[in-house]
N, C-alpha and C. Protein backbone atom coordinates (compact mmCIF):
# COMPACT_ATOMS: atom_id res chain seq x y z
N MET A 1 -20.61 1.71 -218.85
CA MET A 1 -20.47 2.82 -217.92
C MET A 1 -21.33 3.67 -217.40
N GLY A 2 -21.78 3.37 -216.18
CA GLY A 2 -22.84 3.93 -215.42
C GLY A 2 -22.87 5.20 -215.34
N ASP A 3 -23.76 5.91 -214.75
CA ASP A 3 -23.93 7.29 -214.82
C ASP A 3 -23.10 7.48 -213.66
N ASP A 4 -22.48 7.23 -212.76
CA ASP A 4 -21.84 7.62 -211.80
C ASP A 4 -20.55 7.46 -211.94
N ALA A 5 -20.07 7.11 -213.38
CA ALA A 5 -18.59 6.80 -213.67
C ALA A 5 -18.02 8.27 -214.24
N LEU A 6 -18.72 9.07 -214.59
CA LEU A 6 -18.21 10.38 -214.71
C LEU A 6 -18.70 11.96 -213.73
N LEU A 7 -17.96 12.61 -213.59
CA LEU A 7 -18.11 14.07 -212.39
C LEU A 7 -18.74 15.09 -213.80
N CYS A 8 -17.97 15.15 -214.99
CA CYS A 8 -18.31 16.25 -215.53
C CYS A 8 -19.76 16.15 -216.26
N ASP A 9 -20.30 17.22 -216.62
CA ASP A 9 -22.26 17.10 -216.97
C ASP A 9 -22.05 17.55 -218.27
N GLY A 10 -20.50 18.03 -218.84
CA GLY A 10 -20.25 18.43 -220.40
C GLY A 10 -19.15 18.30 -220.73
N VAL A 11 -18.96 17.61 -222.25
CA VAL A 11 -17.87 17.76 -222.76
C VAL A 11 -18.01 18.74 -224.00
N ILE A 12 -17.08 19.78 -224.30
CA ILE A 12 -17.02 20.98 -225.17
C ILE A 12 -15.79 20.49 -226.17
N PHE A 13 -16.24 20.25 -227.42
CA PHE A 13 -14.95 19.96 -228.57
C PHE A 13 -14.64 20.91 -229.27
N ASP A 14 -13.62 21.17 -229.54
CA ASP A 14 -12.85 21.63 -230.70
C ASP A 14 -13.54 21.05 -232.08
N LEU A 15 -13.37 21.42 -232.92
CA LEU A 15 -13.66 20.82 -234.49
C LEU A 15 -12.13 20.45 -235.03
N ASP A 16 -11.51 20.95 -235.84
CA ASP A 16 -10.51 20.98 -236.62
C ASP A 16 -9.47 20.42 -235.83
N GLY A 17 -9.02 19.01 -235.94
CA GLY A 17 -7.91 18.70 -235.09
C GLY A 17 -8.29 17.96 -234.50
N THR A 18 -9.45 17.75 -234.03
CA THR A 18 -9.99 17.03 -232.82
C THR A 18 -10.97 16.22 -232.99
N LEU A 19 -11.85 16.39 -233.87
CA LEU A 19 -13.14 15.59 -234.33
C LEU A 19 -12.78 15.25 -235.83
N TRP A 20 -12.47 16.13 -236.87
CA TRP A 20 -11.81 15.57 -237.95
C TRP A 20 -10.44 16.21 -238.56
N ASP A 21 -10.22 15.76 -239.61
CA ASP A 21 -8.99 16.63 -240.09
C ASP A 21 -9.61 17.08 -241.70
N SER A 22 -9.73 18.60 -241.55
CA SER A 22 -10.40 18.91 -242.96
C SER A 22 -9.21 19.73 -243.68
N CYS A 23 -7.95 19.76 -243.49
CA CYS A 23 -6.76 20.29 -244.20
C CYS A 23 -6.76 20.12 -245.91
N GLN A 24 -6.84 18.79 -246.11
CA GLN A 24 -7.04 18.59 -247.51
C GLN A 24 -8.04 18.97 -248.24
N SER A 25 -9.12 19.20 -247.76
CA SER A 25 -10.35 19.86 -247.94
C SER A 25 -10.53 21.44 -248.15
N VAL A 26 -10.01 21.71 -247.24
CA VAL A 26 -9.99 23.19 -247.23
C VAL A 26 -8.98 23.95 -247.96
N ALA A 27 -8.00 22.94 -248.26
CA ALA A 27 -6.55 23.44 -248.94
C ALA A 27 -6.92 23.43 -250.78
N ALA A 28 -7.89 22.43 -250.91
CA ALA A 28 -8.22 22.17 -252.37
C ALA A 28 -9.39 23.60 -252.46
N SER A 29 -10.06 23.68 -251.52
CA SER A 29 -11.22 24.76 -251.60
C SER A 29 -10.65 26.32 -251.92
N TRP A 30 -9.40 26.26 -251.54
CA TRP A 30 -9.02 27.55 -251.50
C TRP A 30 -8.45 27.86 -252.85
N ALA A 31 -7.88 26.62 -253.02
CA ALA A 31 -6.92 27.23 -254.35
C ALA A 31 -8.13 27.37 -255.33
N GLU A 32 -9.21 26.15 -255.51
CA GLU A 32 -10.48 26.66 -256.39
C GLU A 32 -10.47 28.14 -256.05
N THR A 33 -10.90 28.65 -255.20
CA THR A 33 -11.34 29.88 -255.13
C THR A 33 -10.39 30.92 -255.89
N LEU A 34 -9.35 30.81 -255.26
CA LEU A 34 -8.12 31.64 -255.66
C LEU A 34 -7.99 31.71 -257.16
N ALA A 35 -7.81 30.39 -257.62
CA ALA A 35 -7.88 30.23 -259.26
C ALA A 35 -8.63 30.99 -259.83
N LYS A 36 -10.28 31.13 -259.40
CA LYS A 36 -11.08 31.31 -260.33
C LYS A 36 -11.21 32.95 -259.84
N ASN A 37 -10.97 33.69 -258.79
CA ASN A 37 -11.28 34.67 -258.46
C ASN A 37 -10.44 35.94 -258.31
N HIS A 38 -9.05 35.41 -257.76
CA HIS A 38 -8.03 36.20 -257.28
C HIS A 38 -6.86 35.99 -258.04
N GLY A 39 -6.93 35.57 -259.04
CA GLY A 39 -5.39 35.39 -259.88
C GLY A 39 -4.49 34.51 -259.48
N ALA A 40 -4.63 33.52 -258.46
CA ALA A 40 -3.95 32.60 -257.95
C ALA A 40 -2.27 32.90 -257.29
N LEU A 41 -2.26 34.31 -257.06
CA LEU A 41 -0.79 34.47 -256.44
C LEU A 41 -0.52 34.01 -255.37
N TYR A 42 -0.94 32.83 -254.89
CA TYR A 42 -0.66 32.00 -253.59
C TYR A 42 -1.57 31.15 -253.53
N MET A 43 -1.09 29.64 -253.89
CA MET A 43 -2.07 28.56 -253.73
C MET A 43 -1.46 27.62 -252.59
N PRO A 44 -2.29 27.67 -251.52
CA PRO A 44 -2.18 26.71 -250.13
C PRO A 44 -2.06 25.23 -250.47
N THR A 45 -1.20 24.81 -249.44
CA THR A 45 -0.83 23.52 -249.70
C THR A 45 -1.52 22.87 -248.36
N GLU A 46 -1.72 21.52 -248.24
CA GLU A 46 -2.39 20.96 -246.99
C GLU A 46 -1.84 21.40 -245.73
N GLU A 47 -0.72 21.44 -245.77
CA GLU A 47 0.48 21.47 -244.73
C GLU A 47 0.55 23.36 -244.21
N ASP A 48 0.27 24.05 -244.98
CA ASP A 48 0.14 25.53 -244.82
C ASP A 48 -1.39 25.67 -244.22
N VAL A 49 -2.35 25.18 -244.43
CA VAL A 49 -3.67 24.87 -243.93
C VAL A 49 -3.63 24.56 -242.13
N ARG A 50 -3.02 22.76 -242.20
CA ARG A 50 -2.67 22.62 -241.18
C ARG A 50 -1.79 23.56 -239.96
N GLY A 51 -1.28 24.62 -240.52
CA GLY A 51 -0.58 25.42 -239.69
C GLY A 51 -1.40 26.56 -238.94
N ILE A 52 -2.36 26.48 -239.86
CA ILE A 52 -3.25 27.75 -239.26
C ILE A 52 -4.74 27.39 -238.50
N MET A 53 -5.23 25.95 -238.61
CA MET A 53 -6.09 25.83 -238.11
C MET A 53 -6.39 25.97 -236.52
N GLY A 54 -7.48 26.87 -236.29
CA GLY A 54 -7.80 27.42 -234.93
C GLY A 54 -7.48 28.75 -234.89
N MET A 55 -6.93 29.35 -235.96
CA MET A 55 -6.59 30.54 -236.05
C MET A 55 -8.07 31.82 -236.66
N THR A 56 -8.45 32.65 -236.17
CA THR A 56 -9.36 33.71 -236.20
C THR A 56 -8.89 34.06 -238.23
N GLU A 57 -9.87 34.50 -238.86
CA GLU A 57 -9.73 34.91 -240.04
C GLU A 57 -8.58 36.25 -240.18
N VAL A 58 -8.85 36.92 -239.59
CA VAL A 58 -7.40 38.15 -239.40
C VAL A 58 -6.24 37.18 -238.87
N GLN A 59 -6.02 36.49 -238.39
CA GLN A 59 -4.86 35.76 -238.08
C GLN A 59 -4.07 35.07 -239.16
N ILE A 60 -5.31 34.37 -240.48
CA ILE A 60 -5.10 33.52 -241.20
C ILE A 60 -4.93 34.66 -242.45
N ALA A 61 -5.26 35.76 -242.86
CA ALA A 61 -4.80 36.73 -243.62
C ALA A 61 -3.43 37.09 -243.52
N GLU A 62 -3.37 37.52 -242.29
CA GLU A 62 -1.71 37.70 -241.97
C GLU A 62 -0.47 36.60 -242.33
N THR A 63 -1.25 35.53 -241.89
CA THR A 63 -0.23 34.25 -241.95
C THR A 63 -0.10 34.04 -243.43
N LEU A 64 -1.22 33.47 -244.31
CA LEU A 64 -1.31 33.10 -245.36
C LEU A 64 -1.59 34.08 -246.77
N PHE A 65 -2.31 34.89 -246.72
CA PHE A 65 -2.49 35.43 -247.74
C PHE A 65 -1.51 37.26 -247.73
N SER A 66 -0.44 37.37 -247.24
CA SER A 66 0.09 38.60 -247.45
C SER A 66 0.42 38.91 -248.68
N ALA A 67 0.43 37.96 -249.73
CA ALA A 67 0.79 38.36 -251.10
C ALA A 67 -0.03 39.16 -251.79
N TYR A 68 -1.15 39.05 -251.04
CA TYR A 68 -2.42 40.26 -251.78
C TYR A 68 -2.82 41.60 -251.15
N GLY A 69 -1.66 42.01 -250.06
CA GLY A 69 -1.31 42.97 -249.57
C GLY A 69 -2.73 43.55 -248.82
N GLU A 70 -3.03 45.07 -249.45
CA GLU A 70 -4.30 45.58 -248.55
C GLU A 70 -5.31 44.35 -248.65
N GLN A 71 -5.31 43.69 -250.09
CA GLN A 71 -6.66 42.48 -250.07
C GLN A 71 -6.58 41.48 -249.52
N ALA A 72 -5.26 41.53 -248.60
CA ALA A 72 -5.44 40.06 -247.59
C ALA A 72 -6.59 39.36 -247.09
N LEU A 73 -6.82 40.39 -246.15
CA LEU A 73 -8.36 40.09 -245.42
C LEU A 73 -9.73 39.86 -246.60
N PRO A 74 -9.93 40.76 -247.24
CA PRO A 74 -10.90 40.55 -248.07
C PRO A 74 -11.23 39.02 -248.88
N VAL A 75 -9.59 38.70 -249.41
CA VAL A 75 -9.39 37.92 -250.14
C VAL A 75 -9.42 36.10 -249.29
N CYS A 76 -9.17 36.59 -248.24
CA CYS A 76 -9.07 35.43 -246.96
C CYS A 76 -10.54 34.92 -246.76
N ARG A 77 -11.22 36.14 -246.47
CA ARG A 77 -12.48 36.10 -246.29
C ARG A 77 -13.50 35.46 -247.21
N ASP A 78 -13.22 35.64 -248.61
CA ASP A 78 -14.24 35.12 -249.60
C ASP A 78 -13.69 33.85 -249.59
N CYS A 79 -12.16 33.08 -249.29
CA CYS A 79 -12.08 31.93 -249.83
C CYS A 79 -12.58 31.07 -248.61
N ILE A 80 -12.57 31.67 -247.36
CA ILE A 80 -13.60 30.99 -245.87
C ILE A 80 -14.94 30.88 -246.27
N GLN A 81 -15.77 31.87 -246.89
CA GLN A 81 -16.99 31.69 -247.31
C GLN A 81 -17.30 30.56 -248.26
N ARG A 82 -16.42 30.59 -249.05
CA ARG A 82 -16.97 29.64 -250.27
C ARG A 82 -16.41 28.27 -249.83
N GLU A 83 -15.54 27.66 -248.74
CA GLU A 83 -15.43 26.67 -248.01
C GLU A 83 -16.51 26.13 -247.72
N ASN A 84 -17.41 26.61 -246.91
CA ASN A 84 -18.55 25.51 -246.70
C ASN A 84 -19.29 24.92 -247.66
N ALA A 85 -19.54 25.27 -248.84
CA ALA A 85 -20.09 24.40 -249.83
C ALA A 85 -19.22 23.57 -250.43
N TYR A 86 -17.73 23.47 -250.35
CA TYR A 86 -16.93 22.39 -251.11
C TYR A 86 -16.94 21.34 -249.54
N ILE A 87 -17.02 21.88 -248.44
CA ILE A 87 -17.10 20.91 -247.28
C ILE A 87 -18.64 20.10 -247.38
N ALA A 88 -19.17 20.93 -247.59
CA ALA A 88 -20.77 20.32 -247.40
C ALA A 88 -20.80 19.12 -248.50
N ALA A 89 -19.94 19.31 -249.51
CA ALA A 89 -20.16 18.32 -250.71
C ALA A 89 -19.23 17.07 -250.50
N HIS A 90 -18.08 17.55 -249.95
CA HIS A 90 -16.71 16.69 -250.07
C HIS A 90 -16.25 16.28 -248.53
N GLY A 91 -16.90 16.96 -247.47
CA GLY A 91 -16.50 16.57 -246.13
C GLY A 91 -14.86 16.35 -245.79
N ALA A 92 -14.38 15.77 -244.89
CA ALA A 92 -13.21 15.70 -244.64
C ALA A 92 -12.90 14.33 -243.83
N ARG A 93 -11.75 13.96 -243.43
CA ARG A 93 -11.32 12.84 -243.08
C ARG A 93 -11.58 13.01 -241.48
N LEU A 94 -12.63 11.97 -240.96
CA LEU A 94 -13.15 11.80 -239.79
C LEU A 94 -12.12 10.95 -239.10
N TYR A 95 -11.74 11.56 -237.48
CA TYR A 95 -10.83 10.75 -236.94
C TYR A 95 -11.36 9.58 -236.51
N PRO A 96 -10.95 8.44 -236.53
CA PRO A 96 -11.48 7.05 -236.15
C PRO A 96 -11.94 7.01 -234.90
N GLY A 97 -13.12 6.44 -234.49
CA GLY A 97 -13.78 6.25 -232.83
C GLY A 97 -14.56 7.41 -232.62
N VAL A 98 -15.05 8.51 -233.20
CA VAL A 98 -15.26 9.82 -233.14
C VAL A 98 -17.22 9.35 -232.55
N GLU A 99 -17.69 8.62 -233.73
CA GLU A 99 -18.60 8.45 -233.41
C GLU A 99 -18.98 7.26 -232.27
N GLU A 100 -18.16 6.30 -232.05
CA GLU A 100 -18.64 5.44 -230.78
C GLU A 100 -18.22 6.51 -229.65
N LEU A 101 -17.35 7.38 -229.75
CA LEU A 101 -17.31 8.34 -228.44
C LEU A 101 -18.35 9.12 -228.15
N PHE A 102 -19.23 9.45 -229.42
CA PHE A 102 -20.51 10.20 -229.30
C PHE A 102 -21.26 9.27 -228.62
N GLN A 103 -21.43 8.00 -229.26
CA GLN A 103 -22.61 7.05 -228.53
C GLN A 103 -22.31 6.44 -227.26
N ALA A 104 -21.01 6.59 -226.77
CA ALA A 104 -20.70 5.86 -225.53
C ALA A 104 -20.98 7.39 -224.27
N LEU A 105 -20.85 8.73 -224.91
CA LEU A 105 -21.27 9.47 -224.03
C LEU A 105 -22.84 10.03 -223.83
N GLU A 106 -23.33 10.04 -225.10
CA GLU A 106 -24.55 10.26 -225.27
C GLU A 106 -25.66 9.81 -224.09
N GLY A 107 -26.37 10.80 -223.45
CA GLY A 107 -27.38 10.30 -222.16
C GLY A 107 -26.23 10.27 -221.11
N ILE A 108 -25.08 10.19 -220.90
CA ILE A 108 -24.19 10.59 -219.48
C ILE A 108 -23.58 11.92 -219.06
N CYS A 109 -23.66 12.60 -220.62
CA CYS A 109 -23.23 14.15 -220.53
C CYS A 109 -23.16 14.59 -221.60
N GLY A 110 -23.82 15.83 -221.69
CA GLY A 110 -24.19 16.49 -222.82
C GLY A 110 -22.62 16.74 -223.75
N LEU A 111 -22.68 17.13 -225.14
CA LEU A 111 -21.84 17.22 -225.93
C LEU A 111 -22.01 18.55 -227.00
N TYR A 112 -20.72 19.07 -226.87
CA TYR A 112 -21.14 20.59 -227.72
C TYR A 112 -19.96 20.70 -228.22
N ILE A 113 -19.87 21.73 -229.16
CA ILE A 113 -18.64 22.32 -230.08
C ILE A 113 -18.50 23.68 -229.85
N VAL A 114 -17.26 23.88 -229.65
CA VAL A 114 -16.82 25.60 -229.91
C VAL A 114 -15.59 25.70 -230.65
N SER A 115 -15.98 26.28 -231.84
CA SER A 115 -14.87 26.23 -232.61
C SER A 115 -14.54 27.83 -233.25
N ASN A 116 -12.76 28.26 -233.44
CA ASN A 116 -13.06 29.70 -234.35
C ASN A 116 -13.67 29.48 -235.84
N CYS A 117 -13.94 28.89 -235.78
CA CYS A 117 -14.52 28.77 -237.41
C CYS A 117 -15.62 29.82 -238.07
N GLN A 118 -15.79 29.56 -239.18
CA GLN A 118 -16.65 30.76 -240.03
C GLN A 118 -18.31 30.18 -239.51
N GLN A 119 -19.21 31.18 -239.38
CA GLN A 119 -20.43 30.55 -239.18
C GLN A 119 -20.76 29.58 -240.37
N GLY A 120 -21.53 28.92 -240.38
CA GLY A 120 -22.17 27.45 -241.17
C GLY A 120 -21.11 26.39 -240.99
N TYR A 121 -20.04 26.73 -241.04
CA TYR A 121 -18.94 25.40 -240.70
C TYR A 121 -19.29 24.13 -239.97
N ILE A 122 -19.63 24.35 -238.65
CA ILE A 122 -20.02 23.43 -237.83
C ILE A 122 -20.97 22.90 -238.59
N GLU A 123 -22.27 23.27 -238.75
CA GLU A 123 -23.05 22.81 -239.43
C GLU A 123 -22.94 22.07 -240.76
N CYS A 124 -22.15 22.07 -241.20
CA CYS A 124 -21.32 21.38 -242.48
C CYS A 124 -20.66 19.97 -242.06
N PHE A 125 -20.35 20.35 -240.73
CA PHE A 125 -19.91 18.99 -240.25
C PHE A 125 -20.63 18.00 -239.66
N LEU A 126 -21.90 18.69 -238.99
CA LEU A 126 -23.04 18.11 -238.33
C LEU A 126 -23.65 17.15 -239.71
N ASP A 127 -24.06 18.46 -240.46
CA ASP A 127 -24.55 17.72 -241.75
C ASP A 127 -24.25 16.39 -242.60
N TYR A 128 -22.78 16.43 -242.91
CA TYR A 128 -22.16 15.64 -243.62
C TYR A 128 -21.68 14.12 -243.07
N THR A 129 -21.72 14.27 -241.36
CA THR A 129 -21.46 13.45 -240.69
C THR A 129 -22.97 12.64 -240.23
N GLY A 130 -23.46 13.33 -240.31
CA GLY A 130 -25.10 12.86 -239.40
C GLY A 130 -24.74 12.92 -238.06
N PHE A 131 -24.05 13.51 -237.43
CA PHE A 131 -23.89 13.73 -235.61
C PHE A 131 -24.43 14.74 -235.25
N GLY A 132 -25.60 15.40 -235.72
CA GLY A 132 -26.22 16.08 -235.30
C GLY A 132 -27.21 15.93 -234.18
N LYS A 133 -27.57 14.60 -234.29
CA LYS A 133 -28.15 13.83 -233.08
C LYS A 133 -27.54 13.74 -232.23
N TYR A 134 -26.17 13.90 -231.90
CA TYR A 134 -25.12 13.72 -230.54
C TYR A 134 -25.22 15.23 -229.93
N ILE A 135 -24.95 16.39 -230.88
CA ILE A 135 -24.41 17.72 -230.27
C ILE A 135 -25.61 18.43 -229.92
N ARG A 136 -25.53 18.95 -228.60
CA ARG A 136 -26.81 19.49 -228.05
C ARG A 136 -26.95 20.78 -228.41
N ASP A 137 -25.43 21.37 -228.38
CA ASP A 137 -25.31 23.07 -228.63
C ASP A 137 -23.70 23.06 -229.16
N TYR A 138 -23.87 24.51 -229.89
CA TYR A 138 -22.50 24.57 -230.55
C TYR A 138 -22.52 26.12 -230.82
N GLU A 139 -20.81 26.72 -230.94
CA GLU A 139 -20.95 28.20 -231.13
C GLU A 139 -19.53 28.36 -231.72
N CYS A 140 -19.36 29.61 -232.47
CA CYS A 140 -18.07 29.60 -232.95
C CYS A 140 -18.09 31.25 -233.68
N SER A 141 -16.76 31.61 -233.74
CA SER A 141 -16.60 33.03 -233.56
C SER A 141 -17.01 33.72 -234.73
N GLY A 142 -17.51 32.92 -235.76
CA GLY A 142 -18.08 33.27 -237.10
C GLY A 142 -19.28 33.94 -237.01
N ALA A 143 -20.15 33.48 -235.90
CA ALA A 143 -21.31 33.70 -235.54
C ALA A 143 -21.55 34.62 -234.46
N THR A 144 -20.56 34.78 -233.47
CA THR A 144 -20.52 35.92 -232.63
C THR A 144 -19.88 36.86 -232.45
N GLY A 145 -18.41 36.71 -233.14
CA GLY A 145 -17.36 37.76 -233.37
C GLY A 145 -16.67 37.60 -231.87
N LEU A 146 -16.78 36.64 -231.22
CA LEU A 146 -16.49 36.84 -229.53
C LEU A 146 -15.16 35.47 -229.89
N SER A 147 -14.15 35.56 -228.95
CA SER A 147 -13.10 34.89 -228.90
C SER A 147 -13.64 33.29 -228.57
N LYS A 148 -12.72 32.44 -228.77
CA LYS A 148 -12.78 30.91 -228.34
C LYS A 148 -13.40 30.93 -226.72
N ALA A 149 -12.33 31.62 -226.02
CA ALA A 149 -13.19 31.65 -224.75
C ALA A 149 -14.31 32.04 -224.22
N GLU A 150 -14.65 33.45 -224.66
CA GLU A 150 -16.06 33.74 -224.44
C GLU A 150 -16.99 32.94 -225.43
N ASN A 151 -16.74 32.49 -226.35
CA ASN A 151 -17.72 31.19 -226.95
C ASN A 151 -17.95 30.12 -226.09
N ILE A 152 -16.81 29.96 -225.18
CA ILE A 152 -16.81 28.53 -224.60
C ILE A 152 -17.52 28.83 -223.11
N ARG A 153 -17.66 29.91 -222.52
CA ARG A 153 -18.53 30.77 -221.83
C ARG A 153 -19.82 30.76 -222.09
N LEU A 154 -20.07 31.02 -222.77
CA LEU A 154 -21.24 31.17 -223.55
C LEU A 154 -22.05 29.78 -223.76
N VAL A 155 -21.50 29.06 -223.94
CA VAL A 155 -22.07 27.51 -224.27
C VAL A 155 -22.10 27.07 -222.65
N VAL A 156 -21.40 27.22 -221.74
CA VAL A 156 -21.55 26.84 -220.31
C VAL A 156 -22.64 27.24 -219.86
N ARG A 157 -23.06 28.89 -220.00
CA ARG A 157 -23.99 29.54 -219.42
C ARG A 157 -25.32 29.20 -219.91
N ARG A 158 -25.29 28.76 -221.30
CA ARG A 158 -26.25 28.41 -222.09
C ARG A 158 -27.36 27.23 -221.55
N ASN A 159 -26.18 26.27 -221.41
CA ASN A 159 -26.39 24.95 -221.18
C ASN A 159 -26.85 24.73 -219.34
N GLU A 160 -26.39 25.87 -218.74
CA GLU A 160 -26.21 25.52 -217.01
C GLU A 160 -25.27 24.61 -216.71
N LEU A 161 -24.16 24.31 -217.41
CA LEU A 161 -23.11 23.50 -217.09
C LEU A 161 -22.55 23.60 -215.70
N LEU A 162 -22.16 22.72 -215.13
CA LEU A 162 -21.81 22.89 -213.82
C LEU A 162 -20.24 22.50 -213.49
N HIS A 163 -19.91 21.23 -214.45
CA HIS A 163 -18.25 20.50 -214.08
C HIS A 163 -18.30 20.24 -215.90
N PRO A 164 -17.78 21.11 -216.52
CA PRO A 164 -17.52 20.95 -218.17
C PRO A 164 -16.12 20.86 -218.08
N VAL A 165 -15.67 20.04 -219.37
CA VAL A 165 -14.14 20.05 -219.64
C VAL A 165 -13.96 20.52 -221.59
N TYR A 166 -12.75 21.08 -221.72
CA TYR A 166 -12.88 21.62 -223.35
C TYR A 166 -11.97 19.97 -223.71
N VAL A 167 -12.13 19.50 -224.84
CA VAL A 167 -11.16 18.75 -225.71
C VAL A 167 -10.77 19.52 -226.99
N GLY A 168 -9.62 19.65 -226.85
CA GLY A 168 -8.82 20.25 -227.95
C GLY A 168 -7.40 19.98 -228.33
N ASP A 169 -6.89 20.54 -229.56
CA ASP A 169 -5.33 19.82 -229.93
C ASP A 169 -4.34 20.76 -229.83
N THR A 170 -4.67 22.45 -229.68
CA THR A 170 -3.77 23.28 -229.58
C THR A 170 -3.35 24.09 -228.45
N ARG A 171 -2.18 24.72 -228.46
CA ARG A 171 -2.07 25.36 -227.25
C ARG A 171 -3.22 26.61 -227.25
N MET A 172 -3.36 27.09 -228.31
CA MET A 172 -4.61 28.17 -228.11
C MET A 172 -6.01 27.69 -227.74
N ASP A 173 -6.30 26.19 -227.80
CA ASP A 173 -7.33 25.64 -227.10
C ASP A 173 -7.15 25.51 -225.83
N GLN A 174 -6.00 25.13 -225.07
CA GLN A 174 -5.31 24.96 -223.91
C GLN A 174 -5.82 26.79 -223.47
N ALA A 175 -5.35 27.84 -224.08
CA ALA A 175 -5.32 28.96 -223.42
C ALA A 175 -6.65 29.18 -223.23
N SER A 176 -7.44 28.93 -224.42
CA SER A 176 -8.77 29.43 -224.09
C SER A 176 -9.82 28.30 -223.29
N ALA A 177 -9.34 27.33 -223.09
CA ALA A 177 -9.93 26.70 -222.19
C ALA A 177 -9.67 26.96 -220.56
N ALA A 178 -8.58 27.42 -219.98
CA ALA A 178 -8.21 28.11 -219.19
C ALA A 178 -8.52 29.71 -218.91
N ALA A 179 -8.80 30.19 -219.72
CA ALA A 179 -9.39 31.49 -219.86
C ALA A 179 -11.01 31.70 -219.38
N ALA A 180 -11.84 30.65 -219.78
CA ALA A 180 -13.21 29.89 -219.64
C ALA A 180 -13.13 29.55 -218.40
N GLY A 181 -12.00 28.64 -217.59
CA GLY A 181 -12.01 28.01 -216.34
C GLY A 181 -12.50 26.90 -216.28
N LEU A 182 -11.99 25.88 -217.42
CA LEU A 182 -12.47 24.72 -217.68
C LEU A 182 -11.03 24.04 -217.50
N PRO A 183 -11.28 22.56 -217.25
CA PRO A 183 -10.22 21.89 -217.41
C PRO A 183 -9.84 21.35 -218.89
N PHE A 184 -8.47 21.05 -219.56
CA PHE A 184 -8.54 20.87 -220.60
C PHE A 184 -8.10 19.60 -221.06
N ILE A 185 -8.21 18.71 -221.86
CA ILE A 185 -7.73 17.70 -222.13
C ILE A 185 -7.31 17.61 -223.89
N HIS A 186 -5.73 17.24 -224.14
CA HIS A 186 -5.33 17.42 -225.39
C HIS A 186 -5.56 16.41 -226.29
N ALA A 187 -6.09 16.46 -227.13
CA ALA A 187 -6.54 15.75 -228.19
C ALA A 187 -4.52 15.45 -228.99
N ALA A 188 -3.95 14.79 -228.64
CA ALA A 188 -2.53 14.84 -228.90
C ALA A 188 -2.07 14.20 -230.50
N TYR A 189 -3.52 13.85 -230.71
CA TYR A 189 -3.11 13.23 -232.31
C TYR A 189 -3.68 14.30 -233.42
N GLY A 190 -4.21 15.24 -232.94
CA GLY A 190 -4.46 16.60 -233.86
C GLY A 190 -3.05 17.22 -234.44
N PHE A 191 -3.17 18.76 -234.09
CA PHE A 191 -2.42 19.52 -234.80
C PHE A 191 -1.13 20.24 -234.37
N GLY A 192 -1.47 20.24 -233.02
CA GLY A 192 -0.73 20.91 -232.14
C GLY A 192 -0.11 20.34 -230.50
N SER A 193 0.40 20.85 -229.62
CA SER A 193 1.01 20.45 -228.90
C SER A 193 0.18 21.11 -227.40
N ALA A 194 0.28 21.25 -226.43
CA ALA A 194 0.05 21.50 -225.02
C ALA A 194 1.16 21.54 -223.95
N ASP A 195 0.63 22.37 -223.20
CA ASP A 195 1.47 22.31 -221.74
C ASP A 195 1.12 22.04 -220.47
N LYS A 196 1.33 20.79 -220.18
CA LYS A 196 0.88 20.22 -218.70
C LYS A 196 -0.64 20.44 -218.83
N PRO A 197 -1.33 19.64 -219.89
CA PRO A 197 -2.77 19.64 -219.71
C PRO A 197 -3.51 18.96 -218.61
N ASP A 198 -4.49 18.61 -218.51
CA ASP A 198 -4.97 17.98 -217.23
C ASP A 198 -5.36 16.77 -217.92
N GLY A 199 -5.31 16.31 -219.02
CA GLY A 199 -5.15 15.10 -219.52
C GLY A 199 -4.96 14.72 -220.62
N VAL A 200 -4.08 13.77 -221.37
CA VAL A 200 -3.88 13.66 -222.91
C VAL A 200 -4.61 12.44 -223.48
N ILE A 201 -5.19 12.36 -224.68
CA ILE A 201 -5.27 11.47 -225.58
C ILE A 201 -4.93 11.39 -226.80
N TYR A 202 -4.70 10.05 -227.28
CA TYR A 202 -4.05 9.54 -228.66
C TYR A 202 -4.75 9.51 -229.44
N ALA A 203 -5.98 9.14 -229.11
CA ALA A 203 -7.09 8.58 -229.88
C ALA A 203 -8.58 9.23 -229.11
N PRO A 204 -9.61 9.09 -230.23
CA PRO A 204 -10.67 9.81 -229.72
C PRO A 204 -11.72 9.08 -228.18
N LEU A 205 -11.53 7.68 -228.58
CA LEU A 205 -11.82 6.89 -227.83
C LEU A 205 -11.54 6.69 -226.30
N GLU A 206 -10.01 7.23 -226.11
CA GLU A 206 -9.26 7.25 -224.93
C GLU A 206 -9.69 8.28 -223.91
N LEU A 207 -10.87 9.33 -224.77
CA LEU A 207 -11.47 10.37 -223.70
C LEU A 207 -12.06 9.55 -222.83
N LEU A 208 -12.88 8.39 -222.85
CA LEU A 208 -13.56 7.74 -221.55
C LEU A 208 -12.90 7.50 -220.47
N ASP A 209 -11.67 6.88 -220.79
CA ASP A 209 -10.54 6.56 -219.86
C ASP A 209 -10.21 7.85 -219.07
N ARG A 210 -10.10 8.61 -219.88
CA ARG A 210 -9.37 10.06 -219.19
C ARG A 210 -10.21 10.30 -218.28
N LEU A 211 -11.43 10.63 -218.90
CA LEU A 211 -12.75 11.30 -218.08
C LEU A 211 -12.80 10.81 -216.55
N ARG A 212 -12.94 9.16 -216.49
CA ARG A 212 -13.24 7.96 -215.71
C ARG A 212 -11.78 8.06 -214.65
N GLU A 213 -10.57 8.30 -215.08
CA GLU A 213 -9.77 8.51 -214.55
C GLU A 213 -9.34 9.87 -213.55
N ASN A 214 -9.53 10.73 -214.21
CA ASN A 214 -9.10 12.02 -213.78
C ASN A 214 -10.38 12.71 -213.02
N HIS A 215 -11.55 12.30 -213.42
CA HIS A 215 -12.89 13.06 -212.68
C HIS A 215 -12.14 14.38 -212.83
N VAL A 216 -12.09 15.08 -214.12
CA VAL A 216 -11.70 16.57 -214.10
C VAL A 216 -13.28 17.26 -214.59
């Protein structure tokens, strides 16, 4: 693929549901924390976790931890804070073709990650997979306290990107990309849906063709 094959100068990826599926690992981590520290009033399933991927911790607390009443947010935060160590040790299910995609795009355009995750989670992903060598920059709401749209804009400004695109799997990702002024490519193999995205992929490697075809 020649340097002139793409007009975009940066691809910003969501993480969960776009690059890997960590639902099983997150559910196991939270169940362990709840059983040890919080009386296990609620034990999350993999499907429960799948339904809240991309939400902020406040939204997760309201959605899944209501059994703890006023303690819902502190309990949720404890689960999330302890999650990194579990992910660092056990990893998650990487979607097939992600590394091949990174290898193909490396040197042609910059690769970035913006997620609504807690601080340290993206680092766990990069360390476990060894993909830190591909990713030029990343940001998350846990580090900045900002919305996903604001973090996308932050990465764009920080790296002086002129024609970036955002790749994610949910309507929240699509709305964030739109608010940040970026074209959106929907990872339809992930957790959610999208409404008339600028492009659709059904496997990570299909992104190469979408970028060529759409010149987004």
